[in-house]
Amino acid sequence: MTLRVSARKFLLKNNQINPYRFSWDSTFRYITNSFRFLPHFLIIGTSKAGKYSVLSYLNQHPQISAGFKDHAGVHYFDGSFENKSTAWYRSHFPMKNSRFKIVGEAPGTYLYHPSAPERIREVLPDVKLINFFRNPVNRAYSAYNHAVRFGWEHSSFEKAVETEIERINLLEDNPNFRIDNENAVNYLQFSYSRHGFYADNLDKWFSKFEEKQFRYHSTEELDENYDEIMNSLFTFFGIKNIELTKVKRKNVGIEKVLHEPMKEKIREFLIDFYKPHNDRLFRMIHKEFEW
């Protein structure tokens, strides 16, 4: 047994002298951060839109390292930016002398955070920005079931949507009620409907980045034409196309078993509710999805 392995086991077993959960791996990564990549691409949006499937496809390419073993993204630009350094962020990515040519992450939540565009522009001015949008009606219901699963939400879907829309209208009528707190949680929880305002969320990015840095696809497109879409991204990255193996989406059935099914009345309401938002998105990105 090597000294390194012995020391690691000792520290893990003796938390009283290892209060910060010291890790040889993270220490090595931090020390070697200057020899590591910063991301070439970010999947900035959206949540509940199949990002783990996207990562699975990306990682089939031998020249790409996308996401991480236990999580899709570091959440640096919406969670750790103010108390972690760029060196810390860089330490999460592969060495420049590795087999990888393109690296990236997929938090899927950067799209919503008001400071993320400016922060990313500061650190990664030339990064490629990718969005996978999902039909906002289905996305809202999936996000709701995610909240039910983790015990955050106890209302029916209809009541949760009604309450959220009341909050949205209240803030529109009373801007002074808005809380000046950019904690990422404020932009993630209880935002089933709001996160479907893709155009509103995307708008602030256009003042920071050039149009050529963006690509837009839908979850529905990915399900039908995964090989065409992913190879278009490989071309976007400047690497060769490959033949891909279809992957099965994760968590697809979760929304069918956790809570009562979506009722047709609320579905019809949300279809009408999102129509102007969808139309605005399609005009912005010069592309339409079959929603």
Foldseek 3Di string as FASTA:
>chain_A
DDPLVVVLVVCVVCCVVVVVSDDPLLVVLLVCLVQFDDAQAEAQAAPPFQVVQVQVFQVVDQQEAAADDPGQDPCCLQAPVVPDDVSSVSSVGDGPPDSHDGYYGYPNHLLQFPRSLVVCCVVPVNHAYEYAAEDLLVQLLLLQLVCLVVVNDDDDSVVLVVVVVVVVVVCVVPVVVDDPDSRSVVRRPSCSNVSLLNCVSCVSNPVRHPLLRYDYHYSVCCVVPVQVVSQVVCVSVVHHRDDTDRDDGPPPCSSVPRDPHDDPVVSVVSVVVCVVSQVSVCVVNVHHDDD
